[in-house]
């Protein structure tokens, strides 16, 4: 599970790097064509980078919350299963003690 999360995050980072390179290339093309000044290109790049960071942080928080919910749910399910198994073992131990008590009677 954790490996899957790591791979997903790394894929997202890889996509961000590729996107950043594509963005820089596109902005460079606009500057060369005279459609955008170098200063404006820097402003646009900064705004997009900030927006990307904000989205990444929001996604990270959401993922973190979901992982916590999942593990809490898993912990609750595990505790329930352990309690059920403890009850079964207790019942089996009682039956065994009862059987042993009967077999030791004359």
PDB file of N, CA and C in Angstrom:
ATOM      1  N   UNK A   1       0.829  -1.193   0.000  1.00  0.00           N
ATOM      2  CA  UNK A   1       0.000   0.000   0.000  1.00  0.00           C
ATOM      3  C   UNK A   1       0.867   1.247   0.000  1.00  0.00           C
ATOM      4  N   UNK A   2       1.868   1.276   0.904  1.00  0.00           N
ATOM      5  CA  UNK A   2       2.732   2.447   0.996  1.00  0.00           C
ATOM      6  C   UNK A   2       3.542   2.601  -0.284  1.00  0.00           C
ATOM      7  N   UNK A   3       3.988   1.485  -0.883  1.00  0.00           N
ATOM      8  CA  UNK A   3       4.729   1.558  -2.135  1.00  0.00           C
ATOM      9  C   UNK A   3       3.871   2.164  -3.234  1.00  0.00           C
ATOM     10  N   UNK A   4       2.600   1.804  -3.261  1.00  0.00           N
ATOM     11  CA  UNK A   4       1.693   2.355  -4.262  1.00  0.00           C
ATOM     12  C   UNK A   4       1.566   3.861  -4.081  1.00  0.00           C
ATOM     13  N   UNK A   5       1.444   4.314  -2.848  1.00  0.00           N
ATOM     14  CA  UNK A   5       1.335   5.750  -2.573  1.00  0.00           C
ATOM     15  C   UNK A   5       2.613   6.457  -3.009  1.00  0.00           C
ATOM     16  N   UNK A   6       3.778   5.867  -2.671  1.00  0.00           N
ATOM     17  CA  UNK A   6       5.056   6.467  -3.069  1.00  0.00           C
ATOM     18  C   UNK A   6       5.154   6.588  -4.581  1.00  0.00           C
ATOM     19  N   UNK A   7       4.806   5.500  -5.277  1.00  0.00           N
ATOM     20  CA  UNK A   7       4.882   5.509  -6.737  1.00  0.00           C
ATOM     21  C   UNK A   7       3.945   6.558  -7.322  1.00  0.00           C
ATOM     22  N   UNK A   8       2.759   6.688  -6.740  1.00  0.00           N
ATOM     23  CA  UNK A   8       1.796   7.678  -7.218  1.00  0.00           C
ATOM     24  C   UNK A   8       2.333   9.090  -7.033  1.00  0.00           C
ATOM     25  N   UNK A   9       2.899   9.355  -5.853  1.00  0.00           N
ATOM     26  CA  UNK A   9       3.453  10.685  -5.593  1.00  0.00           C
ATOM     27  C   UNK A   9       4.631  10.963  -6.506  1.00  0.00           C
ATOM     28  N   UNK A  10       5.496   9.975  -6.708  1.00  0.00           N
ATOM     29  CA  UNK A  10       6.638  10.171  -7.597  1.00  0.00           C
ATOM     30  C   UNK A  10       6.193  10.405  -9.034  1.00  0.00           C
ATOM     31  N   UNK A  11       5.143   9.710  -9.441  1.00  0.00           N
ATOM     32  CA  UNK A  11       4.603   9.936 -10.782  1.00  0.00           C
ATOM     33  C   UNK A  11       4.077  11.364 -10.903  1.00  0.00           C
ATOM     34  N   UNK A  12       3.431  11.836  -9.850  1.00  0.00           N
ATOM     35  CA  UNK A  12       2.929  13.216  -9.849  1.00  0.00           C
ATOM     36  C   UNK A  12       4.055  14.225  -9.921  1.00  0.00           C
ATOM     37  N   UNK A  13       5.133  13.970  -9.178  1.00  0.00           N
ATOM     38  CA  UNK A  13       6.294  14.868  -9.215  1.00  0.00           C
ATOM     39  C   UNK A  13       6.919  14.839 -10.600  1.00  0.00           C
ATOM     40  N   UNK A  14       7.027  13.643 -11.182  1.00  0.00           N
ATOM     41  CA  UNK A  14       7.575  13.530 -12.533  1.00  0.00           C
ATOM     42  C   UNK A  14       6.736  14.296 -13.540  1.00  0.00           C
ATOM     43  N   UNK A  15       5.431  14.193 -13.403  1.00  0.00           N
ATOM     44  CA  UNK A  15       4.529  14.931 -14.299  1.00  0.00           C
ATOM     45  C   UNK A  15       4.701  16.429 -14.102  1.00  0.00           C
ATOM     46  N   UNK A  16       4.905  16.849 -12.858  1.00  0.00           N
ATOM     47  CA  UNK A  16       5.095  18.271 -12.578  1.00  0.00           C
ATOM     48  C   UNK A  16       6.373  18.780 -13.223  1.00  0.00           C
ATOM     49  N   UNK A  17       7.432  17.983 -13.181  1.00  0.00           N
ATOM     50  CA  UNK A  17       8.700  18.383 -13.794  1.00  0.00           C
ATOM     51  C   UNK A  17       8.532  18.522 -15.295  1.00  0.00           C
ATOM     52  N   UNK A  18       7.868  17.536 -15.909  1.00  0.00           N
ATOM     53  CA  UNK A  18       7.629  17.597 -17.346  1.00  0.00           C
ATOM     54  C   UNK A  18       6.767  18.806 -17.677  1.00  0.00           C
ATOM     55  N   UNK A  19       5.729  19.042 -16.869  1.00  0.00           N
ATOM     56  CA  UNK A  19       4.851  20.189 -17.098  1.00  0.00           C
ATOM     57  C   UNK A  19       5.615  21.490 -16.971  1.00  0.00           C
ATOM     58  N   UNK A  20       6.515  21.585 -15.987  1.00  0.00           N
ATOM     59  CA  UNK A  20       7.305  22.795 -15.792  1.00  0.00           C
ATOM     60  C   UNK A  20       8.178  23.047 -17.012  1.00  0.00           C
ATOM     61  N   UNK A  21       8.808  21.974 -17.511  1.00  0.00           N
ATOM     62  CA  UNK A  21       9.646  22.123 -18.700  1.00  0.00           C
ATOM     63  C   UNK A  21       8.821  22.575 -19.902  1.00  0.00           C
ATOM     64  N   UNK A  22       7.655  21.985 -20.061  1.00  0.00           N
ATOM     65  CA  UNK A  22       6.772  22.365 -21.179  1.00  0.00           C
ATOM     66  C   UNK A  22       6.306  23.814 -21.026  1.00  0.00           C
ATOM     67  N   UNK A  23       5.994  24.200 -19.792  1.00  0.00           N
ATOM     68  CA  UNK A  23       5.559  25.567 -19.532  1.00  0.00           C
ATOM     69  C   UNK A  23       6.676  26.545 -19.873  1.00  0.00           C
ATOM     70  N   UNK A  24       7.897  26.252 -19.407  1.00  0.00           N
ATOM     71  CA  UNK A  24       9.023  27.133 -19.694  1.00  0.00           C
ATOM     72  C   UNK A  24       9.266  27.230 -21.198  1.00  0.00           C
ATOM     73  N   UNK A  25       9.125  26.100 -21.883  1.00  0.00           N
ATOM     74  CA  UNK A  25       9.302  26.089 -23.338  1.00  0.00           C
ATOM     75  C   UNK A  25       8.241  26.948 -24.016  1.00  0.00           C
ATOM     76  N   UNK A  26       6.980  26.788 -23.580  1.00  0.00           N
ATOM     77  CA  UNK A  26       5.890  27.562 -24.182  1.00  0.00           C
ATOM     78  C   UNK A  26       6.059  29.048 -23.898  1.00  0.00           C
ATOM     79  N   UNK A  27       6.414  29.390 -22.662  1.00  0.00           N
ATOM     80  CA  UNK A  27       6.620  30.802 -22.335  1.00  0.00           C
ATOM     81  C   UNK A  27       7.794  31.367 -23.108  1.00  0.00           C
ATOM     82  N   UNK A  28       8.853  30.574 -23.265  1.00  0.00           N
ATOM     83  CA  UNK A  28      10.010  31.008 -24.070  1.00  0.00           C
ATOM     84  C   UNK A  28       9.606  31.277 -25.500  1.00  0.00           C
ATOM     85  N   UNK A  29       8.748  30.416 -26.050  1.00  0.00           N
ATOM     86  CA  UNK A  29       8.251  30.624 -27.418  1.00  0.00           C
ATOM     87  C   UNK A  29       7.459  31.925 -27.507  1.00  0.00           C
ATOM     88  N   UNK A  30       6.600  32.204 -26.524  1.00  0.00           N
ATOM     89  CA  UNK A  30       5.821  33.445 -26.528  1.00  0.00           C
ATOM     90  C   UNK A  30       6.729  34.667 -26.449  1.00  0.00           C
ATOM     91  N   UNK A  31       7.783  34.572 -25.658  1.00  0.00           N
ATOM     92  CA  UNK A  31       8.722  35.692 -25.529  1.00  0.00           C
ATOM     93  C   UNK A  31       9.436  35.895 -26.857  1.00  0.00           C
ATOM     94  N   UNK A  32       9.917  34.815 -27.493  1.00  0.00           N
ATOM     95  CA  UNK A  32      10.613  34.927 -28.782  1.00  0.00           C
ATOM     96  C   UNK A  32       9.703  35.484 -29.870  1.00  0.00           C
ATOM     97  N   UNK A  33       8.426  35.145 -29.812  1.00  0.00           N
ATOM     98  CA  UNK A  33       7.475  35.623 -30.818  1.00  0.00           C
ATOM     99  C   UNK A  33       6.997  37.046 -30.518  1.00  0.00           C
ATOM    100  N   UNK A  34       7.370  37.563 -29.358  1.00  0.00           N
ATOM    101  CA  UNK A  34       6.974  38.912 -28.999  1.00  0.00           C
ATOM    102  C   UNK A  34       5.556  39.003 -28.447  1.00  0.00           C
ATOM    103  N   UNK A  35       4.946  37.883 -28.162  1.00  0.00           N
ATOM    104  CA  UNK A  35       3.592  37.879 -27.624  1.00  0.00           C
ATOM    105  C   UNK A  35       3.574  38.148 -26.129  1.00  0.00           C
ATOM    106  N   UNK A  36       4.749  38.014 -25.493  1.00  0.00           N
ATOM    107  CA  UNK A  36       4.845  38.158 -24.050  1.00  0.00           C
ATOM    108  C   UNK A  36       6.236  38.690 -23.721  1.00  0.00           C
ATOM    109  N   UNK A  37       6.288  39.641 -22.795  1.00  0.00           N
ATOM    110  CA  UNK A  37       7.606  40.147 -22.390  1.00  0.00           C
ATOM    111  C   UNK A  37       8.247  39.154 -21.421  1.00  0.00           C
ATOM    112  N   UNK A  38       9.563  39.246 -21.265  1.00  0.00           N
ATOM    113  CA  UNK A  38      10.280  38.352 -20.354  1.00  0.00           C
ATOM    114  C   UNK A  38       9.785  38.544 -18.924  1.00  0.00           C
ATOM    115  N   UNK A  39       9.510  39.784 -18.546  1.00  0.00           N
ATOM    116  CA  UNK A  39       9.021  40.074 -17.194  1.00  0.00           C
ATOM    117  C   UNK A  39       7.650  39.449 -16.983  1.00  0.00           C
ATOM    118  N   UNK A  40       6.774  39.579 -17.982  1.00  0.00           N
ATOM    119  CA  UNK A  40       5.448  38.972 -17.871  1.00  0.00           C
ATOM    120  C   UNK A  40       5.536  37.441 -17.828  1.00  0.00           C
ATOM    121  N   UNK A  41       6.475  36.879 -18.574  1.00  0.00           N
ATOM    122  CA  UNK A  41       6.661  35.433 -18.576  1.00  0.00           C
ATOM    123  C   UNK A  41       7.072  34.959 -17.180  1.00  0.00           C
ATOM    124  N   UNK A  42       7.938  35.729 -16.523  1.00  0.00           N
ATOM    125  CA  UNK A  42       8.357  35.376 -15.167  1.00  0.00           C
ATOM    126  C   UNK A  42       7.170  35.449 -14.203  1.00  0.00           C
ATOM    127  N   UNK A  43       6.346  36.463 -14.375  1.00  0.00           N
ATOM    128  CA  UNK A  43       5.164  36.608 -13.507  1.00  0.00           C
ATOM    129  C   UNK A  43       4.221  35.426 -13.709  1.00  0.00           C
ATOM    130  N   UNK A  44       3.951  35.096 -14.959  1.00  0.00           N
ATOM    131  CA  UNK A  44       3.060  33.968 -15.267  1.00  0.00           C
ATOM    132  C   UNK A  44       3.635  32.671 -14.699  1.00  0.00           C
ATOM    133  N   UNK A  45       4.934  32.457 -14.904  1.00  0.00           N
ATOM    134  CA  UNK A  45       5.573  31.238 -14.396  1.00  0.00           C
ATOM    135  C   UNK A  45       5.470  31.186 -12.873  1.00  0.00           C
ATOM    136  N   UNK A  46       5.687  32.309 -12.213  1.00  0.00           N
ATOM    137  CA  UNK A  46       5.590  32.357 -10.755  1.00  0.00           C
ATOM    138  C   UNK A  46       4.192  32.050 -10.264  1.00  0.00           C
ATOM    139  N   UNK A  47       3.193  32.650 -10.921  1.00  0.00           N
ATOM    140  CA  UNK A  47       1.809  32.398 -10.529  1.00  0.00           C
ATOM    141  C   UNK A  47       1.427  30.931 -10.742  1.00  0.00           C
ATOM    142  N   UNK A  48       1.836  30.373 -11.867  1.00  0.00           N
ATOM    143  CA  UNK A  48       1.518  28.973 -12.136  1.00  0.00           C
ATOM    144  C   UNK A  48       2.249  28.041 -11.171  1.00  0.00           C
ATOM    145  N   UNK A  49       3.488  28.388 -10.832  1.00  0.00           N
ATOM    146  CA  UNK A  49       4.238  27.571  -9.873  1.00  0.00           C
ATOM    147  C   UNK A  49       3.567  27.611  -8.507  1.00  0.00           C
ATOM    148  N   UNK A  50       3.124  28.785  -8.091  1.00  0.00           N
ATOM    149  CA  UNK A  50       2.448  28.918  -6.796  1.00  0.00           C
ATOM    150  C   UNK A  50       1.137  28.137  -6.790  1.00  0.00           C
ATOM    151  N   UNK A  51       0.405  28.238  -7.887  1.00  0.00           N
ATOM    152  CA  UNK A  51      -0.850  27.499  -7.997  1.00  0.00           C
ATOM    153  C   UNK A  51      -0.577  25.991  -7.957  1.00  0.00           C
ATOM    154  N   UNK A  52       0.465  25.555  -8.624  1.00  0.00           N
ATOM    155  CA  UNK A  52       0.830  24.141  -8.621  1.00  0.00           C
ATOM    156  C   UNK A  52       1.208  23.670  -7.233  1.00  0.00           C
ATOM    157  N   UNK A  53       1.975  24.502  -6.503  1.00  0.00           N
ATOM    158  CA  UNK A  53       2.339  24.150  -5.124  1.00  0.00           C
ATOM    159  C   UNK A  53       1.099  24.037  -4.247  1.00  0.00           C
ATOM    160  N   UNK A  54       0.191  24.984  -4.400  1.00  0.00           N
ATOM    161  CA  UNK A  54      -1.031  24.974  -3.597  1.00  0.00           C
ATOM    162  C   UNK A  54      -1.855  23.718  -3.894  1.00  0.00           C
ATOM    163  N   UNK A  55      -1.970  23.372  -5.162  1.00  0.00           N
ATOM    164  CA  UNK A  55      -2.723  22.177  -5.534  1.00  0.00           C
ATOM    165  C   UNK A  55      -2.043  20.918  -5.014  1.00  0.00           C
ATOM    166  N   UNK A  56      -0.697  20.885  -5.090  1.00  0.00           N
ATOM    167  CA  UNK A  56       0.043  19.729  -4.584  1.00  0.00           C
ATOM    168  C   UNK A  56      -0.156  19.586  -3.080  1.00  0.00           C
ATOM    169  N   UNK A  57      -0.083  20.697  -2.359  1.00  0.00           N
ATOM    170  CA  UNK A  57      -0.278  20.658  -0.905  1.00  0.00           C
ATOM    171  C   UNK A  57      -1.689  20.203  -0.555  1.00  0.00           C
ATOM    172  N   UNK A  58      -2.675  20.694  -1.292  1.00  0.00           N
ATOM    173  CA  UNK A  58      -4.059  20.281  -1.048  1.00  0.00           C
ATOM    174  C   UNK A  58      -4.229  18.787  -1.324  1.00  0.00           C
ATOM    175  N   UNK A  59      -3.635  18.319  -2.409  1.00  0.00           N
ATOM    176  CA  UNK A  59      -3.717  16.896  -2.735  1.00  0.00           C
ATOM    177  C   UNK A  59      -2.999  16.061  -1.673  1.00  0.00           C
ATOM    178  N   UNK A  60      -1.863  16.548  -1.210  1.00  0.00           N
ATOM    179  CA  UNK A  60      -1.111  15.829  -0.170  1.00  0.00           C
ATOM    180  C   UNK A  60      -1.914  15.743   1.121  1.00  0.00           C
ATOM    181  N   UNK A  61      -2.548  16.866   1.499  1.00  0.00           N
ATOM    182  CA  UNK A  61      -3.376  16.856   2.711  1.00  0.00           C
ATOM    183  C   UNK A  61      -4.533  15.881   2.556  1.00  0.00           C
ATOM    184  N   UNK A  62      -5.178  15.920   1.413  1.00  0.00           N
ATOM    185  CA  UNK A  62      -6.302  15.011   1.166  1.00  0.00           C
ATOM    186  C   UNK A  62      -5.864  13.560   1.202  1.00  0.00           C
ATOM    187  N   UNK A  63      -4.721  13.276   0.603  1.00  0.00           N
ATOM    188  CA  UNK A  63      -4.205  11.913   0.605  1.00  0.00           C
ATOM    189  C   UNK A  63      -3.860  11.486   2.022  1.00  0.00           C
ATOM    190  N   UNK A  64      -3.245  12.381   2.771  1.00  0.00           N
ATOM    191  CA  UNK A  64      -2.883  12.079   4.154  1.00  0.00           C
ATOM    192  C   UNK A  64      -4.129  11.763   4.984  1.00  0.00           C
ATOM    193  N   UNK A  65      -5.173  12.552   4.810  1.00  0.00           N
ATOM    194  CA  UNK A  65      -6.420  12.320   5.537  1.00  0.00           C
ATOM    195  C   UNK A  65      -7.040  10.974   5.157  1.00  0.00           C
ATOM    196  N   UNK A  66      -7.013  10.660   3.874  1.00  0.00           N
ATOM    197  CA  UNK A  66      -7.579   9.377   3.433  1.00  0.00           C
ATOM    198  C   UNK A  66      -6.787   8.203   3.979  1.00  0.00           C
ATOM    199  N   UNK A  67      -5.467   8.343   4.020  1.00  0.00           N
ATOM    200  CA  UNK A  67      -4.644   7.263   4.570  1.00  0.00           C
ATOM    201  C   UNK A  67      -4.953   7.088   6.045  1.00  0.00           C
ATOM    202  N   UNK A  68      -5.093   8.202   6.773  1.00  0.00           N
ATOM    203  CA  UNK A  68      -5.430   8.108   8.198  1.00  0.00           C
ATOM    204  C   UNK A  68      -6.787   7.440   8.390  1.00  0.00           C
ATOM    205  N   UNK A  69      -7.765   7.817   7.576  1.00  0.00           N
ATOM    206  CA  UNK A  69      -9.092   7.204   7.667  1.00  0.00           C
ATOM    207  C   UNK A  69      -9.014   5.708   7.370  1.00  0.00           C
ATOM    208  N   UNK A  70      -8.258   5.359   6.355  1.00  0.00           N
ATOM    209  CA  UNK A  70      -8.137   3.955   5.969  1.00  0.00           C
ATOM    210  C   UNK A  70      -7.474   3.147   7.075  1.00  0.00           C
ATOM    211  N   UNK A  71      -6.389   3.675   7.622  1.00  0.00           N
ATOM    212  CA  UNK A  71      -5.701   2.929   8.679  1.00  0.00           C
ATOM    213  C   UNK A  71      -6.559   2.853   9.936  1.00  0.00           C
ATOM    214  N   UNK A  72      -7.297   3.918  10.243  1.00  0.00           N
ATOM    215  CA  UNK A  72      -8.182   3.881  11.411  1.00  0.00           C
ATOM    216  C   UNK A  72      -9.268   2.833  11.206  1.00  0.00           C
ATOM    217  N   UNK A  73      -9.821   2.790  10.013  1.00  0.00           N
ATOM    218  CA  UNK A  73     -10.853   1.801   9.696  1.00  0.00           C
ATOM    219  C   UNK A  73     -10.257   0.393   9.769  1.00  0.00           C
ATOM    220  N   UNK A  74      -9.060   0.232   9.229  1.00  0.00           N
ATOM    221  CA  UNK A  74      -8.390  -1.065   9.271  1.00  0.00           C
ATOM    222  C   UNK A  74      -8.096  -1.466  10.710  1.00  0.00           C
ATOM    223  N   UNK A  75      -7.655  -0.504  11.526  1.00  0.00           N
ATOM    224  CA  UNK A  75      -7.386  -0.792  12.936  1.00  0.00           C
ATOM    225  C   UNK A  75      -8.654  -1.230  13.653  1.00  0.00           C
ATOM    226  N   UNK A  76      -9.764  -0.560  13.369  1.00  0.00           N
ATOM    227  CA  UNK A  76     -11.036  -0.914  14.003  1.00  0.00           C
ATOM    228  C   UNK A  76     -11.481  -2.305  13.561  1.00  0.00           C
ATOM    229  N   UNK A  77     -11.336  -2.598  12.271  1.00  0.00           N
ATOM    230  CA  UNK A  77     -11.705  -3.917  11.764  1.00  0.00           C
ATOM    231  C   UNK A  77     -10.820  -4.994  12.387  1.00  0.00           C
ATOM    232  N   UNK A  78      -9.532  -4.705  12.502  1.00  0.00           N
ATOM    233  CA  UNK A  78      -8.602  -5.659  13.093  1.00  0.00           C
ATOM    234  C   UNK A  78      -8.951  -5.902  14.563  1.00  0.00           C
ATOM    235  N   UNK A  79      -9.247  -4.835  15.286  1.00  0.00           N
ATOM    236  CA  UNK A  79      -9.610  -4.988  16.700  1.00  0.00           C
ATOM    237  C   UNK A  79     -10.872  -5.832  16.841  1.00  0.00           C
ATOM    238  N   UNK A  80     -11.828  -5.617  15.955  1.00  0.00           N
ATOM    239  CA  UNK A  80     -13.071  -6.398  15.982  1.00  0.00           C
ATOM    240  C   UNK A  80     -12.786  -7.872  15.709  1.00  0.00           C
ATOM    241  N   UNK A  81     -11.945  -8.140  14.734  1.00  0.00           N
ATOM    242  CA  UNK A  81     -11.612  -9.528  14.399  1.00  0.00           C
ATOM    243  C   UNK A  81     -10.843 -10.190  15.538  1.00  0.00           C
ATOM    244  N   UNK A  82      -9.924  -9.458  16.148  1.00  0.00           N
ATOM    245  CA  UNK A  82      -9.157 -10.005  17.273  1.00  0.00           C
ATOM    246  C   UNK A  82     -10.100 -10.322  18.435  1.00  0.00           C
ATOM    247  N   UNK A  83     -11.031  -9.426  18.719  1.00  0.00           N
ATOM    248  CA  UNK A  83     -11.996  -9.667  19.804  1.00  0.00           C
ATOM    249  C   UNK A  83     -12.834 -10.914  19.514  1.00  0.00           C
ATOM    250  N   UNK A  84     -13.269 -11.068  18.270  1.00  0.00           N
ATOM    251  CA  UNK A  84     -14.060 -12.242  17.897  1.00  0.00           C
ATOM    252  C   UNK A  84     -13.232 -13.514  18.045  1.00  0.00           C
ATOM    253  N   UNK A  85     -11.975 -13.464  17.630  1.00  0.00           N
ATOM    254  CA  UNK A  85     -11.107 -14.636  17.766  1.00  0.00           C
ATOM    255  C   UNK A  85     -10.827 -14.953  19.232  1.00  0.00           C
ATOM    256  N   UNK A  86     -10.648 -13.928  20.044  1.00  0.00           N
ATOM    257  CA  UNK A  86     -10.433 -14.151  21.483  1.00  0.00           C
ATOM    258  C   UNK A  86     -11.654 -14.823  22.103  1.00  0.00           C
ATOM    259  N   UNK A  87     -12.832 -14.397  21.691  1.00  0.00           N
ATOM    260  CA  UNK A  87     -14.060 -15.008  22.211  1.00  0.00           C
ATOM    261  C   UNK A  87     -14.140 -16.472  21.785  1.00  0.00           C
ATOM    262  N   UNK A  88     -13.808 -16.762  20.518  1.00  0.00           N
ATOM    263  CA  UNK A  88     -13.834 -18.151  20.040  1.00  0.00           C
ATOM    264  C   UNK A  88     -12.822 -19.012  20.790  1.00  0.00           C
ATOM    265  N   UNK A  89     -11.613 -18.471  20.987  1.00  0.00           N
ATOM    266  CA  UNK A  89     -10.585 -19.218  21.714  1.00  0.00           C
ATOM    267  C   UNK A  89     -11.044 -19.477  23.142  1.00  0.00           C
ATOM    268  N   UNK A  90     -11.639 -18.465  23.757  1.00  0.00           N
ATOM    269  CA  UNK A  90     -12.159 -18.643  25.117  1.00  0.00           C
ATOM    270  C   UNK A  90     -13.202 -19.736  25.177  1.00  0.00           C
ATOM    271  N   UNK A  91     -14.110 -19.753  24.207  1.00  0.00           N
ATOM    272  CA  UNK A  91     -15.153 -20.779  24.163  1.00  0.00           C
ATOM    273  C   UNK A  91     -14.535 -22.153  23.943  1.00  0.00           C
ATOM    274  N   UNK A  92     -13.550 -22.238  23.066  1.00  0.00           N
ATOM    275  CA  UNK A  92     -12.881 -23.521  22.820  1.00  0.00           C
ATOM    276  C   UNK A  92     -12.115 -23.990  24.047  1.00  0.00           C
ATOM    277  N   UNK A  93     -11.480 -23.086  24.740  1.00  0.00           N
ATOM    278  CA  UNK A  93     -10.767 -23.446  25.964  1.00  0.00           C
ATOM    279  C   UNK A  93     -11.743 -23.967  27.021  1.00  0.00           C
ATOM    280  N   UNK A  94     -12.889 -23.320  27.124  1.00  0.00           N
ATOM    281  CA  UNK A  94     -13.905 -23.765  28.083  1.00  0.00           C
ATOM    282  C   UNK A  94     -14.402 -25.153  27.723  1.00  0.00           C
ATOM    283  N   UNK A  95     -14.656 -25.393  26.434  1.00  0.00           N
ATOM    284  CA  UNK A  95     -15.095 -26.725  25.996  1.00  0.00           C
ATOM    285  C   UNK A  95     -14.034 -27.774  26.267  1.00  0.00           C
ATOM    286  N   UNK A  96     -12.781 -27.415  26.022  1.00  0.00           N
ATOM    287  CA  UNK A  96     -11.678 -28.341  26.253  1.00  0.00           C
ATOM    288  C   UNK A  96     -11.565 -28.678  27.738  1.00  0.00           C
ATOM    289  N   UNK A  97     -11.671 -27.668  28.563  1.00  0.00           N
ATOM    290  CA  UNK A  97     -11.610 -27.899  30.017  1.00  0.00           C
ATOM    291  C   UNK A  97     -12.771 -28.774  30.449  1.00  0.00           C
ATOM    292  N   UNK A  98     -13.925 -28.546  29.883  1.00  0.00           N
ATOM    293  CA  UNK A  98     -15.116 -29.348  30.204  1.00  0.00           C
ATOM    294  C   UNK A  98     -14.910 -30.791  29.767  1.00  0.00           C
ATOM    295  N   UNK A  99     -14.382 -30.982  28.553  1.00  0.00           N
ATOM    296  CA  UNK A  99     -14.115 -32.324  28.038  1.00  0.00           C
ATOM    297  C   UNK A  99     -13.093 -33.042  28.916  1.00  0.00           C
ATOM    298  N   UNK A 100     -12.033 -32.320  29.306  1.00  0.00           N
ATOM    299  CA  UNK A 100     -11.005 -32.920  30.140  1.00  0.00           C
ATOM    300  C   UNK A 100     -11.560 -33.265  31.523  1.00  0.00           C
ATOM    301  N   UNK A 101     -12.457 -32.448  32.030  1.00  0.00           N
ATOM    302  CA  UNK A 101     -13.090 -32.717  33.314  1.00  0.00           C
ATOM    303  C   UNK A 101     -13.937 -33.972  33.252  1.00  0.00           C
ATOM    304  N   UNK A 102     -14.650 -34.174  32.130  1.00  0.00           N
ATOM    305  CA  UNK A 102     -15.491 -35.364  31.970  1.00  0.00           C
ATOM    306  C   UNK A 102     -14.632 -36.613  31.825  1.00  0.00           C
ATOM    307  N   UNK A 103     -13.531 -36.501  31.103  1.00  0.00           N
ATOM    308  CA  UNK A 103     -12.706 -37.691  30.874  1.00  0.00           C
ATOM    309  C   UNK A 103     -11.941 -38.109  32.122  1.00  0.00           C
ATOM    310  N   UNK A 104     -11.724 -37.201  33.071  1.00  0.00           N
ATOM    311  CA  UNK A 104     -11.010 -37.562  34.304  1.00  0.00           C
ATOM    312  C   UNK A 104     -11.969 -38.083  35.374  1.00  0.00           C
ATOM    313  N   UNK A 105     -13.281 -37.986  35.125  1.00  0.00           N
ATOM    314  CA  UNK A 105     -14.262 -38.520  36.092  1.00  0.00           C
ATOM    315  C   UNK A 105     -14.265 -40.043  36.037  1.00  0.00           C
ATOM    316  N   UNK A 106     -14.431 -40.717  37.207  1.00  0.00           N
ATOM    317  CA  UNK A 106     -14.449 -42.186  37.208  1.00  0.00           C
ATOM    318  C   UNK A 106     -15.670 -42.787  36.624  1.00  0.00           C
TER     319      UNK A 106
END
